[in-house]
N, C-alpha and C. Protein backbone atom coordinates (compact mmCIF):
# COMPACT_ATOMS: atom_id res chain seq x y z
N MET A 1 93.09 120.32 -33.20
CA MET A 1 93.76 119.72 -32.09
C MET A 1 94.84 118.79 -32.62
N LYS A 2 96.04 118.94 -32.11
CA LYS A 2 97.14 118.06 -32.48
C LYS A 2 97.08 116.77 -31.66
N GLU A 3 97.75 115.75 -32.14
CA GLU A 3 97.78 114.47 -31.44
C GLU A 3 98.27 114.62 -30.01
N SER A 4 99.20 115.53 -29.79
CA SER A 4 99.81 115.70 -28.47
C SER A 4 98.88 116.36 -27.44
N ALA A 5 97.72 116.85 -27.88
CA ALA A 5 96.80 117.53 -26.95
C ALA A 5 96.25 116.56 -25.90
N PHE A 6 96.21 115.29 -26.21
CA PHE A 6 95.77 114.28 -25.24
C PHE A 6 96.86 113.22 -25.15
N ASP A 7 97.43 113.02 -23.97
CA ASP A 7 98.50 112.05 -23.77
C ASP A 7 97.95 110.81 -23.07
N PRO A 8 97.75 109.73 -23.80
CA PRO A 8 97.18 108.53 -23.19
C PRO A 8 98.12 107.83 -22.21
N PHE A 9 99.41 108.17 -22.26
CA PHE A 9 100.37 107.53 -21.36
C PHE A 9 100.25 108.05 -19.92
N THR A 10 99.76 109.27 -19.76
CA THR A 10 99.67 109.86 -18.42
C THR A 10 98.23 110.04 -17.94
N TYR A 11 97.27 109.69 -18.77
CA TYR A 11 95.86 109.88 -18.43
C TYR A 11 95.42 108.86 -17.40
N ASN A 12 94.66 109.29 -16.40
CA ASN A 12 94.11 108.38 -15.39
C ASN A 12 92.92 107.66 -16.01
N SER A 13 93.08 106.38 -16.24
CA SER A 13 92.03 105.62 -16.93
C SER A 13 91.22 104.76 -15.97
N SER A 14 90.90 105.29 -14.81
CA SER A 14 90.11 104.52 -13.84
C SER A 14 88.74 104.23 -14.41
N VAL A 15 88.20 103.09 -14.05
CA VAL A 15 86.90 102.68 -14.56
C VAL A 15 85.83 102.68 -13.48
N SER A 16 86.06 103.36 -12.38
CA SER A 16 85.14 103.31 -11.24
C SER A 16 83.76 103.88 -11.54
N ASP A 17 83.65 104.84 -12.43
CA ASP A 17 82.35 105.46 -12.71
C ASP A 17 81.89 105.16 -14.14
N ARG A 18 82.13 103.96 -14.62
CA ARG A 18 81.82 103.60 -16.00
C ARG A 18 80.38 103.90 -16.43
N PRO A 19 79.37 103.62 -15.62
CA PRO A 19 78.01 103.89 -16.11
C PRO A 19 77.76 105.37 -16.47
N LYS A 20 78.54 106.27 -15.87
CA LYS A 20 78.34 107.70 -16.12
C LYS A 20 79.33 108.26 -17.14
N THR A 21 80.08 107.41 -17.79
CA THR A 21 81.12 107.85 -18.71
C THR A 21 80.52 108.25 -20.05
N SER A 22 80.91 109.43 -20.55
CA SER A 22 80.45 109.89 -21.86
C SER A 22 81.19 109.12 -22.96
N TYR A 23 80.69 109.23 -24.17
CA TYR A 23 81.30 108.58 -25.32
C TYR A 23 82.75 109.03 -25.49
N SER A 24 82.98 110.35 -25.46
CA SER A 24 84.34 110.86 -25.67
C SER A 24 85.27 110.44 -24.54
N GLU A 25 84.75 110.43 -23.32
CA GLU A 25 85.56 109.99 -22.18
C GLU A 25 85.89 108.50 -22.31
N GLY A 26 84.93 107.72 -22.76
CA GLY A 26 85.17 106.29 -22.97
C GLY A 26 86.26 106.04 -23.99
N LYS A 27 86.28 106.84 -25.05
CA LYS A 27 87.33 106.71 -26.07
C LYS A 27 88.70 107.04 -25.47
N LYS A 28 88.76 108.10 -24.67
CA LYS A 28 90.03 108.47 -24.03
C LYS A 28 90.52 107.36 -23.11
N ARG A 29 89.60 106.81 -22.32
CA ARG A 29 89.99 105.77 -21.38
C ARG A 29 90.46 104.50 -22.09
N ALA A 30 89.78 104.15 -23.17
CA ALA A 30 90.20 102.96 -23.93
C ALA A 30 91.59 103.15 -24.51
N GLU A 31 91.83 104.32 -25.09
CA GLU A 31 93.14 104.62 -25.66
C GLU A 31 94.20 104.61 -24.56
N ALA A 32 93.91 105.24 -23.44
CA ALA A 32 94.86 105.28 -22.32
C ALA A 32 95.16 103.87 -21.82
N TYR A 33 94.14 103.06 -21.68
CA TYR A 33 94.34 101.69 -21.20
C TYR A 33 95.28 100.93 -22.13
N LEU A 34 95.04 101.01 -23.43
CA LEU A 34 95.89 100.29 -24.38
C LEU A 34 97.34 100.75 -24.31
N PHE A 35 97.55 102.06 -24.36
CA PHE A 35 98.92 102.56 -24.36
C PHE A 35 99.63 102.31 -23.02
N GLN A 36 98.89 102.30 -21.93
CA GLN A 36 99.51 102.11 -20.61
C GLN A 36 99.73 100.63 -20.26
N ASN A 37 98.96 99.74 -20.86
CA ASN A 37 99.00 98.34 -20.44
C ASN A 37 99.51 97.36 -21.49
N MET A 38 99.82 97.81 -22.65
CA MET A 38 100.27 96.92 -23.71
C MET A 38 101.72 97.21 -24.10
N ALA A 39 102.56 97.39 -23.11
CA ALA A 39 103.97 97.70 -23.36
C ALA A 39 104.60 96.63 -24.24
N GLY A 40 105.38 97.07 -25.20
CA GLY A 40 106.06 96.15 -26.09
C GLY A 40 105.27 95.76 -27.32
N ILE A 41 104.00 96.07 -27.34
CA ILE A 41 103.16 95.78 -28.51
C ILE A 41 102.93 97.08 -29.25
N PRO A 42 103.25 97.13 -30.55
CA PRO A 42 103.02 98.38 -31.30
C PRO A 42 101.51 98.67 -31.40
N ILE A 43 101.14 99.86 -30.99
CA ILE A 43 99.73 100.27 -31.02
C ILE A 43 99.60 101.52 -31.87
N THR A 44 98.59 101.52 -32.70
CA THR A 44 98.28 102.70 -33.51
C THR A 44 96.87 103.15 -33.15
N ALA A 45 96.73 104.39 -32.74
CA ALA A 45 95.41 104.96 -32.45
C ALA A 45 95.11 105.98 -33.54
N ILE A 46 94.01 105.77 -34.23
CA ILE A 46 93.57 106.70 -35.28
C ILE A 46 92.40 107.50 -34.71
N ARG A 47 92.55 108.80 -34.66
CA ARG A 47 91.49 109.68 -34.16
C ARG A 47 90.75 110.27 -35.35
N LEU A 48 89.45 110.05 -35.36
CA LEU A 48 88.62 110.46 -36.49
C LEU A 48 87.57 111.48 -36.08
N PRO A 49 87.27 112.43 -36.98
CA PRO A 49 86.09 113.28 -36.78
C PRO A 49 84.88 112.58 -37.41
N VAL A 50 83.86 113.33 -37.74
CA VAL A 50 82.70 112.79 -38.45
C VAL A 50 83.16 112.29 -39.81
N ALA A 51 82.91 111.00 -40.09
CA ALA A 51 83.25 110.41 -41.39
C ALA A 51 81.99 110.41 -42.25
N LEU A 52 82.13 110.92 -43.47
CA LEU A 52 80.99 111.02 -44.38
C LEU A 52 81.29 110.37 -45.72
N GLY A 53 80.24 110.00 -46.40
CA GLY A 53 80.32 109.45 -47.74
C GLY A 53 79.12 108.56 -47.95
N THR A 54 78.81 108.29 -49.19
CA THR A 54 77.65 107.45 -49.47
C THR A 54 77.88 106.01 -49.05
N ASN A 55 79.13 105.62 -48.81
CA ASN A 55 79.44 104.27 -48.34
C ASN A 55 79.58 104.18 -46.82
N ALA A 56 79.47 105.29 -46.12
CA ALA A 56 79.61 105.27 -44.65
C ALA A 56 78.38 104.60 -44.03
N PRO A 57 78.58 103.74 -43.04
CA PRO A 57 77.45 103.01 -42.45
C PRO A 57 76.39 103.89 -41.80
N SER A 58 76.74 105.08 -41.34
CA SER A 58 75.75 105.94 -40.67
C SER A 58 74.73 106.51 -41.64
N GLU A 59 75.06 106.54 -42.92
CA GLU A 59 74.21 107.15 -43.96
C GLU A 59 73.91 108.61 -43.67
N ARG A 60 74.71 109.26 -42.85
CA ARG A 60 74.50 110.66 -42.49
C ARG A 60 74.53 111.55 -43.72
N PHE A 61 75.46 111.27 -44.63
CA PHE A 61 75.60 112.07 -45.85
C PHE A 61 74.33 111.97 -46.70
N THR A 62 73.89 110.73 -46.93
CA THR A 62 72.70 110.50 -47.75
C THR A 62 71.46 111.11 -47.11
N LYS A 63 71.30 110.93 -45.81
CA LYS A 63 70.13 111.47 -45.10
C LYS A 63 70.11 113.00 -45.16
N LEU A 64 71.29 113.62 -45.03
CA LEU A 64 71.34 115.08 -45.09
C LEU A 64 70.91 115.58 -46.46
N PHE A 65 71.40 114.93 -47.51
CA PHE A 65 71.01 115.35 -48.85
C PHE A 65 69.52 115.20 -49.08
N GLU A 66 68.96 114.09 -48.64
CA GLU A 66 67.52 113.88 -48.80
C GLU A 66 66.74 114.95 -48.04
N LYS A 67 67.24 115.32 -46.87
CA LYS A 67 66.58 116.35 -46.06
C LYS A 67 66.64 117.70 -46.77
N ILE A 68 67.80 118.05 -47.31
CA ILE A 68 67.95 119.33 -48.00
C ILE A 68 67.09 119.36 -49.26
N LEU A 69 67.04 118.26 -49.99
CA LEU A 69 66.22 118.20 -51.20
C LEU A 69 64.74 118.40 -50.89
N GLY A 70 64.29 117.90 -49.73
CA GLY A 70 62.88 117.94 -49.41
C GLY A 70 62.39 119.16 -48.66
N LYS A 71 63.27 120.08 -48.29
CA LYS A 71 62.86 121.24 -47.48
C LYS A 71 62.92 122.54 -48.27
N LYS A 72 62.09 123.48 -47.86
CA LYS A 72 62.14 124.82 -48.46
C LYS A 72 63.27 125.62 -47.84
N HIS A 73 63.49 125.44 -46.56
CA HIS A 73 64.54 126.15 -45.84
C HIS A 73 65.43 125.14 -45.12
N VAL A 74 66.69 125.44 -45.02
CA VAL A 74 67.63 124.59 -44.29
C VAL A 74 67.88 125.24 -42.94
N PRO A 75 67.44 124.60 -41.84
CA PRO A 75 67.61 125.21 -40.52
C PRO A 75 69.07 125.18 -40.07
N LEU A 76 69.49 126.25 -39.43
CA LEU A 76 70.88 126.41 -39.01
C LEU A 76 70.93 127.13 -37.68
N SER A 77 71.82 126.71 -36.81
CA SER A 77 71.99 127.34 -35.51
C SER A 77 72.72 128.66 -35.62
N ASN A 78 72.51 129.52 -34.65
CA ASN A 78 73.23 130.79 -34.59
C ASN A 78 74.64 130.65 -34.03
N SER A 79 74.91 129.55 -33.34
CA SER A 79 76.16 129.48 -32.58
C SER A 79 77.04 128.28 -32.90
N ALA A 80 76.94 127.73 -34.09
CA ALA A 80 77.73 126.54 -34.43
C ALA A 80 79.21 126.88 -34.53
N GLN A 81 80.04 125.96 -34.06
CA GLN A 81 81.50 126.10 -34.08
C GLN A 81 82.10 125.22 -35.18
N PRO A 82 83.35 125.49 -35.56
CA PRO A 82 83.96 124.68 -36.63
C PRO A 82 84.20 123.23 -36.20
N ILE A 83 84.08 122.34 -37.19
CA ILE A 83 84.36 120.92 -36.97
C ILE A 83 85.22 120.41 -38.12
N SER A 84 85.86 119.30 -37.88
CA SER A 84 86.60 118.60 -38.93
C SER A 84 85.71 117.50 -39.50
N LEU A 85 85.98 117.14 -40.74
CA LEU A 85 85.29 116.05 -41.41
C LEU A 85 86.34 115.15 -42.05
N VAL A 86 85.95 113.94 -42.39
CA VAL A 86 86.83 113.07 -43.16
C VAL A 86 85.96 112.23 -44.09
N TRP A 87 86.48 111.96 -45.27
CA TRP A 87 85.79 111.14 -46.26
C TRP A 87 85.94 109.68 -45.87
N ALA A 88 84.86 108.92 -45.90
CA ALA A 88 84.90 107.50 -45.53
C ALA A 88 85.95 106.75 -46.36
N ASN A 89 86.10 107.09 -47.63
CA ASN A 89 87.12 106.44 -48.47
C ASN A 89 88.53 106.73 -47.96
N ASP A 90 88.77 107.96 -47.49
CA ASP A 90 90.07 108.30 -46.93
C ASP A 90 90.35 107.52 -45.64
N VAL A 91 89.32 107.27 -44.85
CA VAL A 91 89.50 106.49 -43.63
C VAL A 91 90.02 105.10 -43.98
N ALA A 92 89.38 104.45 -44.95
CA ALA A 92 89.82 103.11 -45.36
C ALA A 92 91.26 103.15 -45.89
N ASP A 93 91.54 104.12 -46.75
CA ASP A 93 92.89 104.24 -47.31
C ASP A 93 93.93 104.52 -46.22
N PHE A 94 93.56 105.35 -45.26
CA PHE A 94 94.49 105.71 -44.19
C PHE A 94 94.78 104.51 -43.28
N LEU A 95 93.76 103.75 -42.94
CA LEU A 95 93.98 102.55 -42.12
C LEU A 95 94.91 101.58 -42.83
N TYR A 96 94.68 101.38 -44.12
CA TYR A 96 95.54 100.50 -44.92
C TYR A 96 96.97 101.04 -44.95
N TRP A 97 97.10 102.35 -45.17
CA TRP A 97 98.41 103.00 -45.26
C TRP A 97 99.20 102.84 -43.95
N THR A 98 98.53 103.06 -42.80
CA THR A 98 99.24 102.92 -41.52
C THR A 98 99.68 101.47 -41.30
N ALA A 99 98.88 100.51 -41.75
CA ALA A 99 99.26 99.09 -41.60
C ALA A 99 100.44 98.74 -42.50
N ILE A 100 100.40 99.18 -43.75
CA ILE A 100 101.49 98.90 -44.70
C ILE A 100 102.79 99.54 -44.23
N LYS A 101 102.70 100.76 -43.72
CA LYS A 101 103.89 101.49 -43.24
C LYS A 101 104.34 101.01 -41.85
N LYS A 102 103.52 100.16 -41.23
CA LYS A 102 103.82 99.65 -39.88
C LYS A 102 104.03 100.79 -38.88
N LEU A 103 103.14 101.77 -38.97
CA LEU A 103 103.23 102.92 -38.07
C LEU A 103 102.61 102.58 -36.73
N SER A 104 103.14 103.16 -35.69
CA SER A 104 102.52 103.06 -34.38
C SER A 104 102.50 104.45 -33.77
N GLY A 105 101.65 104.62 -32.80
CA GLY A 105 101.49 105.93 -32.18
C GLY A 105 100.10 106.47 -32.45
N ILE A 106 99.97 107.77 -32.31
CA ILE A 106 98.67 108.42 -32.42
C ILE A 106 98.64 109.27 -33.68
N TYR A 107 97.56 109.12 -34.46
CA TYR A 107 97.40 109.88 -35.71
C TYR A 107 95.98 110.42 -35.81
N ASN A 108 95.88 111.66 -36.22
CA ASN A 108 94.59 112.24 -36.58
C ASN A 108 94.35 111.97 -38.06
N ALA A 109 93.10 111.72 -38.42
CA ALA A 109 92.74 111.48 -39.81
C ALA A 109 91.57 112.39 -40.16
N CYS A 110 91.80 113.38 -41.04
CA CYS A 110 90.73 114.31 -41.39
C CYS A 110 91.08 115.06 -42.67
N SER A 111 90.08 115.62 -43.30
CA SER A 111 90.33 116.53 -44.41
C SER A 111 91.03 117.76 -43.86
N PRO A 112 91.84 118.43 -44.68
CA PRO A 112 92.64 119.54 -44.15
C PRO A 112 91.83 120.76 -43.69
N GLU A 113 90.63 120.95 -44.23
CA GLU A 113 89.84 122.14 -43.88
C GLU A 113 88.92 121.84 -42.70
N THR A 114 88.48 122.92 -42.06
CA THR A 114 87.43 122.80 -41.05
C THR A 114 86.23 123.60 -41.55
N PHE A 115 85.05 123.26 -41.05
CA PHE A 115 83.82 123.87 -41.51
C PHE A 115 82.91 124.19 -40.34
N THR A 116 82.13 125.25 -40.50
CA THR A 116 81.01 125.44 -39.59
C THR A 116 79.83 124.73 -40.23
N GLU A 117 78.79 124.55 -39.45
CA GLU A 117 77.58 123.91 -39.95
C GLU A 117 77.06 124.64 -41.19
N GLY A 118 77.04 125.97 -41.14
CA GLY A 118 76.54 126.75 -42.27
C GLY A 118 77.36 126.56 -43.53
N GLU A 119 78.69 126.48 -43.39
CA GLU A 119 79.56 126.27 -44.55
C GLU A 119 79.31 124.91 -45.19
N ILE A 120 79.05 123.90 -44.37
CA ILE A 120 78.74 122.57 -44.91
C ILE A 120 77.45 122.64 -45.72
N TYR A 121 76.42 123.26 -45.16
CA TYR A 121 75.15 123.36 -45.87
C TYR A 121 75.28 124.20 -47.14
N GLU A 122 76.04 125.29 -47.08
CA GLU A 122 76.25 126.12 -48.27
C GLU A 122 76.92 125.31 -49.38
N LEU A 123 77.89 124.48 -49.01
CA LEU A 123 78.56 123.64 -50.00
C LEU A 123 77.58 122.65 -50.62
N PHE A 124 76.76 122.02 -49.79
CA PHE A 124 75.77 121.07 -50.30
C PHE A 124 74.79 121.78 -51.23
N LEU A 125 74.34 122.97 -50.82
CA LEU A 125 73.39 123.72 -51.65
C LEU A 125 74.03 124.15 -52.97
N SER A 126 75.33 124.46 -52.96
CA SER A 126 76.00 124.86 -54.21
C SER A 126 76.07 123.68 -55.18
N VAL A 127 76.28 122.46 -54.66
CA VAL A 127 76.29 121.27 -55.51
C VAL A 127 74.91 121.07 -56.11
N LEU A 128 73.88 121.33 -55.33
CA LEU A 128 72.50 121.20 -55.81
C LEU A 128 72.10 122.34 -56.73
N LYS A 129 72.94 123.37 -56.78
CA LYS A 129 72.61 124.60 -57.51
C LYS A 129 71.26 125.13 -57.03
N SER A 130 71.10 125.08 -55.72
CA SER A 130 69.83 125.44 -55.10
C SER A 130 69.83 126.89 -54.64
N LYS A 131 68.69 127.50 -54.73
CA LYS A 131 68.51 128.86 -54.23
C LYS A 131 67.78 128.85 -52.88
N LYS A 132 67.71 127.68 -52.25
CA LYS A 132 67.06 127.57 -50.94
C LYS A 132 67.79 128.46 -49.95
N LYS A 133 67.04 128.96 -49.01
CA LYS A 133 67.61 129.83 -47.98
C LYS A 133 67.94 129.01 -46.74
N ILE A 134 68.98 129.44 -46.08
CA ILE A 134 69.33 128.86 -44.80
C ILE A 134 68.71 129.74 -43.73
N SER A 135 67.91 129.15 -42.85
CA SER A 135 67.26 129.93 -41.80
C SER A 135 67.86 129.58 -40.45
N ARG A 136 68.02 130.59 -39.62
CA ARG A 136 68.57 130.40 -38.27
C ARG A 136 67.46 129.94 -37.35
N ILE A 137 67.77 128.97 -36.50
CA ILE A 137 66.75 128.43 -35.60
C ILE A 137 67.28 128.30 -34.19
N ASN A 138 66.37 128.06 -33.27
CA ASN A 138 66.72 127.68 -31.91
C ASN A 138 66.92 126.17 -31.93
N TYR A 139 68.05 125.68 -31.43
CA TYR A 139 68.41 124.28 -31.58
C TYR A 139 67.59 123.31 -30.77
N ARG A 140 66.73 123.75 -29.93
CA ARG A 140 65.92 122.80 -29.17
C ARG A 140 64.91 122.10 -30.06
N ARG A 141 64.61 122.67 -31.19
CA ARG A 141 63.58 122.12 -32.07
C ARG A 141 64.03 120.88 -32.84
N GLU A 142 65.28 120.84 -33.23
CA GLU A 142 65.70 119.80 -34.16
C GLU A 142 67.16 119.44 -33.94
N LYS A 143 67.47 118.15 -33.97
CA LYS A 143 68.86 117.70 -33.82
C LYS A 143 69.57 117.87 -35.16
N LYS A 144 70.80 118.35 -35.10
CA LYS A 144 71.59 118.61 -36.31
C LYS A 144 72.84 117.74 -36.33
N PRO A 145 73.19 117.19 -37.49
CA PRO A 145 74.36 116.32 -37.56
C PRO A 145 75.70 117.03 -37.48
N PHE A 146 75.76 118.33 -37.75
CA PHE A 146 77.04 119.03 -37.80
C PHE A 146 77.13 120.16 -36.78
N TYR A 147 76.25 120.17 -35.81
CA TYR A 147 76.24 121.24 -34.83
C TYR A 147 77.17 120.89 -33.68
N SER A 148 77.95 121.87 -33.25
CA SER A 148 78.77 121.71 -32.06
C SER A 148 78.85 123.06 -31.34
N LYS A 149 78.75 123.02 -30.02
CA LYS A 149 78.87 124.25 -29.22
C LYS A 149 80.33 124.65 -29.05
N VAL A 150 81.23 123.71 -29.23
CA VAL A 150 82.67 123.97 -29.09
C VAL A 150 83.38 123.52 -30.37
N PRO A 151 84.51 124.13 -30.70
CA PRO A 151 85.25 123.66 -31.89
C PRO A 151 85.66 122.19 -31.74
N LEU A 152 85.40 121.40 -32.77
CA LEU A 152 85.80 119.99 -32.79
C LEU A 152 86.68 119.77 -34.01
N THR A 153 87.88 120.29 -33.94
CA THR A 153 88.77 120.23 -35.10
C THR A 153 90.00 119.39 -34.79
N LEU A 154 90.50 118.74 -35.82
CA LEU A 154 91.72 117.95 -35.73
C LEU A 154 92.77 118.52 -36.67
N ASP A 155 94.01 118.28 -36.34
CA ASP A 155 95.15 118.70 -37.16
C ASP A 155 95.78 117.44 -37.73
N CYS A 156 95.77 117.29 -39.04
CA CYS A 156 96.29 116.07 -39.67
C CYS A 156 97.72 116.23 -40.19
N SER A 157 98.43 117.26 -39.75
CA SER A 157 99.77 117.54 -40.29
C SER A 157 100.77 116.42 -39.98
N LYS A 158 100.60 115.69 -38.89
CA LYS A 158 101.52 114.59 -38.60
C LYS A 158 101.43 113.53 -39.69
N ALA A 159 100.22 113.15 -40.06
CA ALA A 159 100.04 112.14 -41.11
C ALA A 159 100.51 112.65 -42.47
N THR A 160 100.17 113.90 -42.78
CA THR A 160 100.57 114.44 -44.09
C THR A 160 102.08 114.62 -44.17
N SER A 161 102.72 114.96 -43.06
CA SER A 161 104.18 115.11 -43.08
C SER A 161 104.89 113.77 -43.31
N GLN A 162 104.17 112.67 -43.04
CA GLN A 162 104.73 111.35 -43.26
C GLN A 162 104.30 110.74 -44.59
N GLY A 163 103.58 111.53 -45.40
CA GLY A 163 103.29 111.09 -46.77
C GLY A 163 101.86 110.77 -47.13
N PHE A 164 100.92 110.86 -46.19
CA PHE A 164 99.52 110.58 -46.55
C PHE A 164 98.82 111.89 -46.87
N ASN A 165 98.09 111.92 -47.98
CA ASN A 165 97.35 113.11 -48.37
C ASN A 165 95.85 112.84 -48.28
N PHE A 166 95.19 113.57 -47.40
CA PHE A 166 93.74 113.47 -47.28
C PHE A 166 93.10 114.30 -48.38
N THR A 167 92.00 113.81 -48.92
CA THR A 167 91.27 114.50 -49.98
C THR A 167 90.61 115.75 -49.40
N PRO A 168 90.80 116.91 -50.06
CA PRO A 168 90.10 118.11 -49.59
C PRO A 168 88.58 117.87 -49.57
N ALA A 169 87.94 118.32 -48.51
CA ALA A 169 86.50 118.08 -48.35
C ALA A 169 85.69 118.66 -49.50
N PHE A 170 86.10 119.81 -50.02
CA PHE A 170 85.37 120.39 -51.14
C PHE A 170 85.30 119.41 -52.31
N ASP A 171 86.38 118.69 -52.54
CA ASP A 171 86.43 117.74 -53.65
C ASP A 171 85.55 116.52 -53.41
N TRP A 172 85.70 115.89 -52.23
CA TRP A 172 84.94 114.66 -52.03
C TRP A 172 83.46 114.91 -51.78
N ILE A 173 83.11 116.05 -51.19
CA ILE A 173 81.68 116.34 -51.00
C ILE A 173 81.02 116.55 -52.36
N ARG A 174 81.68 117.29 -53.24
CA ARG A 174 81.13 117.49 -54.59
C ARG A 174 81.00 116.16 -55.34
N LEU A 175 82.02 115.33 -55.27
CA LEU A 175 82.00 114.04 -55.95
C LEU A 175 80.89 113.15 -55.41
N GLU A 176 80.83 112.99 -54.10
CA GLU A 176 79.81 112.14 -53.49
C GLU A 176 78.39 112.66 -53.77
N ALA A 177 78.22 113.97 -53.66
CA ALA A 177 76.90 114.56 -53.90
C ALA A 177 76.47 114.37 -55.34
N SER A 178 77.38 114.59 -56.26
CA SER A 178 77.05 114.42 -57.68
C SER A 178 76.66 112.98 -57.98
N GLN A 179 77.40 112.03 -57.42
CA GLN A 179 77.08 110.61 -57.64
C GLN A 179 75.74 110.25 -57.03
N LEU A 180 75.47 110.76 -55.85
CA LEU A 180 74.21 110.48 -55.18
C LEU A 180 73.04 111.06 -55.97
N LEU A 181 73.20 112.29 -56.44
CA LEU A 181 72.14 112.92 -57.22
C LEU A 181 71.92 112.19 -58.54
N SER A 182 72.99 111.75 -59.16
CA SER A 182 72.89 111.02 -60.42
C SER A 182 72.12 109.71 -60.22
N LYS A 183 72.41 109.00 -59.12
CA LYS A 183 71.70 107.75 -58.82
C LYS A 183 70.21 107.98 -58.64
N ARG A 184 69.86 109.16 -58.13
CA ARG A 184 68.46 109.48 -57.88
C ARG A 184 67.79 110.16 -59.07
N GLY A 185 68.55 110.35 -60.15
CA GLY A 185 68.00 110.97 -61.35
C GLY A 185 67.73 112.46 -61.21
N TYR A 186 68.40 113.11 -60.26
CA TYR A 186 68.20 114.54 -60.03
C TYR A 186 69.14 115.33 -60.90
N ASN A 187 68.60 116.29 -61.64
CA ASN A 187 69.42 117.15 -62.49
C ASN A 187 69.36 118.56 -61.93
N PRO A 188 70.47 119.04 -61.32
CA PRO A 188 70.43 120.34 -60.66
C PRO A 188 70.53 121.54 -61.60
N SER A 189 70.51 121.35 -62.90
CA SER A 189 70.66 122.51 -63.80
C SER A 189 69.42 123.34 -63.93
């Protein structure tokens, strides 16, 4: 999705049904409110996908690795759609970069590739040098961190065309996984 796919300047940001507002709708309304009501003040909106890394506050990356290490099979949905990811370190660097460059407007921040849930797990298993099998499951049994019924992808070409380079996910996932495994004394050979 390009930045232009959602225009906060024309979006109706009424707050009449706030208790029933979803997380994504709340984000749209907040962005629309800022852009529509803060005329004359430079505003930068950074749109992020799932941010991962061993330093990310959600610990999603660490928890996933621990889960994969402890299971015989890695459960996977039959119908997962592609998603974008971003490295937590890139998020920090990108926020700093936009401030230093005094950029305003809307920017997507993500690694250049998109992944399905299965591709993410395959990458993690390759770092582990694991022969574990990925098994297909019915999703009612277990919540998954990378499952989506619809594509959740971002296009970061606006930021890259202005000089910021996001780290390819293959590189940062391998780096983070190797460091995490080393801290835990795990030798995947």
